[in-house]
Amino acid sequence: MPVIRATEAVTHEIHGARFVSYATPRSGSEELCAWRGEIPAGLKAPAHTVSREEIFHLLDGELLITLDGHTDRITAGDTVIVNAGATLAVENPTDRTAYSWVTTSVGLEARLADGTRIVPPWAN
């Protein structure tokens, strides 16, 4: 039984946010990836289009989530389903870090508005 200890999680940073990766093929997962996101106060991450469905659950804090042009304020305990092909932007308009938990399938990629392809190591 693979058990990923908190001390074994791998941290990545991109666009000002931190991704703490727990479940990936490198850690023994065959189909799913899961990570904790840390979205600092004041961060407005660039919009990106995802290649695979993501389940985005807010553990703590408050965020503005824009999904395909529609913006919603979410708070701790809310979950956003981001379908494959959707464009997502995340903004933390508050003065404290927000924490999320994201699950997706192995192989997730994202594209920025300028066409830049991102292959996040925490999802592959």
C-alpha atoms as a PDB file:
ATOM      1  CA  MET A   1       0.000   0.000   0.000  1.00  0.00           C
ATOM      2  CA  PRO A   2       1.660   3.257  -1.107  1.00  0.00           C
ATOM      3  CA  VAL A   3       1.504   5.844   1.660  1.00  0.00           C
ATOM      4  CA  ILE A   4       2.772   9.308   0.834  1.00  0.00           C
ATOM      5  CA  ARG A   5       3.987  11.024   3.986  1.00  0.00           C
ATOM      6  CA  ALA A   6       3.713  14.797   4.222  1.00  0.00           C
ATOM      7  CA  THR A   7       7.495  14.930   4.336  1.00  0.00           C
ATOM      8  CA  GLU A   8       7.656  13.092   0.980  1.00  0.00           C
ATOM      9  CA  ALA A   9       5.370  15.477  -0.928  1.00  0.00           C
ATOM     10  CA  VAL A  10       7.076  17.357  -3.743  1.00  0.00           C
ATOM     11  CA  THR A  11       6.626  21.120  -3.984  1.00  0.00           C
ATOM     12  CA  HIS A  12       6.507  23.065  -7.249  1.00  0.00           C
ATOM     13  CA  GLU A  13       5.974  26.781  -7.776  1.00  0.00           C
ATOM     14  CA  ILE A  14       4.588  28.460 -10.892  1.00  0.00           C
ATOM     15  CA  HIS A  15       2.923  31.816 -11.553  1.00  0.00           C
ATOM     16  CA  GLY A  16       3.269  32.737  -7.885  1.00  0.00           C
ATOM     17  CA  ALA A  17       1.343  29.737  -6.522  1.00  0.00           C
ATOM     18  CA  ARG A  18       2.686  26.661  -4.764  1.00  0.00           C
ATOM     19  CA  PHE A  19       1.628  23.108  -5.637  1.00  0.00           C
ATOM     20  CA  VAL A  20       2.366  20.365  -3.116  1.00  0.00           C
ATOM     21  CA  SER A  21       2.131  17.095  -5.013  1.00  0.00           C
ATOM     22  CA  TYR A  22       1.069  13.869  -3.289  1.00  0.00           C
ATOM     23  CA  ALA A  23      -0.388  11.436  -5.855  1.00  0.00           C
ATOM     24  CA  THR A  24       1.432  11.119  -9.195  1.00  0.00           C
ATOM     25  CA  PRO A  25       2.841   8.278 -11.269  1.00  0.00           C
ATOM     26  CA  ARG A  26       6.181   8.919  -9.538  1.00  0.00           C
ATOM     27  CA  SER A  27       4.561   8.270  -6.155  1.00  0.00           C
ATOM     28  CA  GLY A  28       2.688   5.145  -7.281  1.00  0.00           C
ATOM     29  CA  SER A  29      -0.620   6.429  -8.668  1.00  0.00           C
ATOM     30  CA  GLU A  30      -1.576   4.937 -12.017  1.00  0.00           C
ATOM     31  CA  GLU A  31      -4.619   7.008 -13.008  1.00  0.00           C
ATOM     32  CA  LEU A  32      -5.061   9.996 -10.706  1.00  0.00           C
ATOM     33  CA  CYS A  33      -3.037  12.964  -9.518  1.00  0.00           C
ATOM     34  CA  ALA A  34      -3.780  15.023  -6.413  1.00  0.00           C
ATOM     35  CA  TRP A  35      -2.145  18.070  -4.904  1.00  0.00           C
ATOM     36  CA  ARG A  36      -2.652  20.871  -2.427  1.00  0.00           C
ATOM     37  CA  GLY A  37      -2.599  24.324  -3.929  1.00  0.00           C
ATOM     38  CA  GLU A  38      -1.439  27.341  -1.959  1.00  0.00           C
ATOM     39  CA  ILE A  39      -2.716  30.570  -3.494  1.00  0.00           C
ATOM     40  CA  PRO A  40      -1.111  33.617  -1.843  1.00  0.00           C
ATOM     41  CA  ALA A  41      -2.998  36.773  -0.921  1.00  0.00           C
ATOM     42  CA  GLY A  42      -3.424  39.111  -3.880  1.00  0.00           C
ATOM     43  CA  LEU A  43      -2.440  36.540  -6.518  1.00  0.00           C
ATOM     44  CA  LYS A  44      -4.179  36.647  -9.884  1.00  0.00           C
ATOM     45  CA  ALA A  45      -3.032  33.577 -11.821  1.00  0.00           C
ATOM     46  CA  PRO A  46      -3.199  33.623 -15.626  1.00  0.00           C
ATOM     47  CA  ALA A  47      -6.175  31.990 -17.336  1.00  0.00           C
ATOM     48  CA  HIS A  48      -5.411  28.537 -18.703  1.00  0.00           C
ATOM     49  CA  THR A  49      -7.340  25.885 -20.616  1.00  0.00           C
ATOM     50  CA  VAL A  50      -7.102  22.366 -19.208  1.00  0.00           C
ATOM     51  CA  SER A  51      -6.895  19.151 -21.208  1.00  0.00           C
ATOM     52  CA  ARG A  52      -8.492  16.952 -18.530  1.00  0.00           C
ATOM     53  CA  GLU A  53     -11.210  17.330 -15.952  1.00  0.00           C
ATOM     54  CA  GLU A  54     -10.143  18.739 -12.576  1.00  0.00           C
ATOM     55  CA  ILE A  55     -11.995  18.678  -9.289  1.00  0.00           C
ATOM     56  CA  PHE A  56     -10.996  21.824  -7.354  1.00  0.00           C
ATOM     57  CA  HIS A  57     -11.985  21.842  -3.666  1.00  0.00           C
ATOM     58  CA  LEU A  58     -11.271  24.880  -1.499  1.00  0.00           C
ATOM     59  CA  LEU A  59      -9.984  23.784   1.901  1.00  0.00           C
ATOM     60  CA  ASP A  60      -9.459  27.207   3.456  1.00  0.00           C
ATOM     61  CA  GLY A  61      -9.884  30.802   2.364  1.00  0.00           C
ATOM     62  CA  GLU A  62     -11.809  32.546  -0.356  1.00  0.00           C
ATOM     63  CA  LEU A  63     -11.153  32.827  -4.097  1.00  0.00           C
ATOM     64  CA  LEU A  64     -12.602  34.262  -7.269  1.00  0.00           C
ATOM     65  CA  ILE A  65     -12.824  31.497  -9.857  1.00  0.00           C
ATOM     66  CA  THR A  66     -13.476  32.392 -13.478  1.00  0.00           C
ATOM     67  CA  LEU A  67     -14.585  29.408 -15.518  1.00  0.00           C
ATOM     68  CA  ASP A  68     -15.240  29.975 -19.220  1.00  0.00           C
ATOM     69  CA  GLY A  69     -15.793  33.693 -18.598  1.00  0.00           C
ATOM     70  CA  HIS A  70     -18.170  33.326 -15.620  1.00  0.00           C
ATOM     71  CA  THR A  71     -16.791  34.436 -12.239  1.00  0.00           C
ATOM     72  CA  ASP A  72     -17.914  33.031  -8.877  1.00  0.00           C
ATOM     73  CA  ARG A  73     -16.671  33.722  -5.375  1.00  0.00           C
ATOM     74  CA  ILE A  74     -15.994  30.431  -3.601  1.00  0.00           C
ATOM     75  CA  THR A  75     -15.309  29.850   0.076  1.00  0.00           C
ATOM     76  CA  ALA A  76     -13.909  26.996   2.166  1.00  0.00           C
ATOM     77  CA  GLY A  77     -15.850  23.797   1.532  1.00  0.00           C
ATOM     78  CA  ASP A  78     -16.917  24.714  -2.022  1.00  0.00           C
ATOM     79  CA  THR A  79     -15.985  22.485  -4.960  1.00  0.00           C
ATOM     80  CA  VAL A  80     -15.618  23.513  -8.606  1.00  0.00           C
ATOM     81  CA  ILE A  81     -15.808  20.968 -11.419  1.00  0.00           C
ATOM     82  CA  VAL A  82     -13.573  22.075 -14.260  1.00  0.00           C
ATOM     83  CA  ASN A  83     -14.380  20.051 -17.362  1.00  0.00           C
ATOM     84  CA  ALA A  84     -11.752  19.186 -19.965  1.00  0.00           C
ATOM     85  CA  GLY A  85     -11.426  22.036 -22.443  1.00  0.00           C
ATOM     86  CA  ALA A  86     -12.609  24.682 -19.963  1.00  0.00           C
ATOM     87  CA  THR A  87     -10.666  27.861 -19.338  1.00  0.00           C
ATOM     88  CA  LEU A  88      -9.937  28.578 -15.691  1.00  0.00           C
ATOM     89  CA  ALA A  89      -8.534  31.608 -13.875  1.00  0.00           C
ATOM     90  CA  VAL A  90      -7.970  31.810 -10.117  1.00  0.00           C
ATOM     91  CA  GLU A  91      -7.671  35.007  -8.088  1.00  0.00           C
ATOM     92  CA  ASN A  92      -7.179  35.497  -4.366  1.00  0.00           C
ATOM     93  CA  PRO A  93      -8.538  38.992  -3.594  1.00  0.00           C
ATOM     94  CA  THR A  94      -8.046  38.554   0.161  1.00  0.00           C
ATOM     95  CA  ASP A  95      -5.183  39.295   2.532  1.00  0.00           C
ATOM     96  CA  ARG A  96      -4.429  35.658   3.414  1.00  0.00           C
ATOM     97  CA  THR A  97      -3.324  32.500   1.626  1.00  0.00           C
ATOM     98  CA  ALA A  98      -6.054  30.162   0.350  1.00  0.00           C
ATOM     99  CA  TYR A  99      -5.575  26.373   0.286  1.00  0.00           C
ATOM    100  CA  SER A 100      -7.142  24.002  -2.221  1.00  0.00           C
ATOM    101  CA  TRP A 101      -7.119  20.297  -3.015  1.00  0.00           C
ATOM    102  CA  VAL A 102      -7.164  19.322  -6.687  1.00  0.00           C
ATOM    103  CA  THR A 103      -7.658  15.910  -8.251  1.00  0.00           C
ATOM    104  CA  THR A 104      -7.331  15.107 -11.948  1.00  0.00           C
ATOM    105  CA  SER A 105      -6.242  12.258 -14.187  1.00  0.00           C
ATOM    106  CA  VAL A 106      -2.640  11.594 -15.131  1.00  0.00           C
ATOM    107  CA  GLY A 107      -1.573  13.529 -18.222  1.00  0.00           C
ATOM    108  CA  LEU A 108      -3.134  16.910 -17.511  1.00  0.00           C
ATOM    109  CA  GLU A 109      -1.791  19.739 -19.639  1.00  0.00           C
ATOM    110  CA  ALA A 110      -2.766  23.387 -19.780  1.00  0.00           C
ATOM    111  CA  ARG A 111      -2.480  26.155 -22.354  1.00  0.00           C
ATOM    112  CA  LEU A 112      -2.179  29.838 -21.607  1.00  0.00           C
ATOM    113  CA  ALA A 113      -3.999  32.415 -23.742  1.00  0.00           C
ATOM    114  CA  ASP A 114      -0.799  33.015 -25.756  1.00  0.00           C
ATOM    115  CA  GLY A 115      -0.657  29.310 -26.656  1.00  0.00           C
ATOM    116  CA  THR A 116       2.126  28.422 -24.210  1.00  0.00           C
ATOM    117  CA  ARG A 117       1.794  24.737 -23.263  1.00  0.00           C
ATOM    118  CA  ILE A 118       2.280  23.819 -19.616  1.00  0.00           C
ATOM    119  CA  VAL A 119       2.904  20.210 -18.579  1.00  0.00           C
ATOM    120  CA  PRO A 120       2.698  20.430 -14.805  1.00  0.00           C
ATOM    121  CA  PRO A 121       5.062  17.970 -13.129  1.00  0.00           C
ATOM    122  CA  TRP A 122       2.607  17.603 -10.226  1.00  0.00           C
ATOM    123  CA  ALA A 123       0.027  16.097 -12.629  1.00  0.00           C
ATOM    124  CA  ASN A 124       2.221  13.750 -14.662  1.00  0.00           C
END
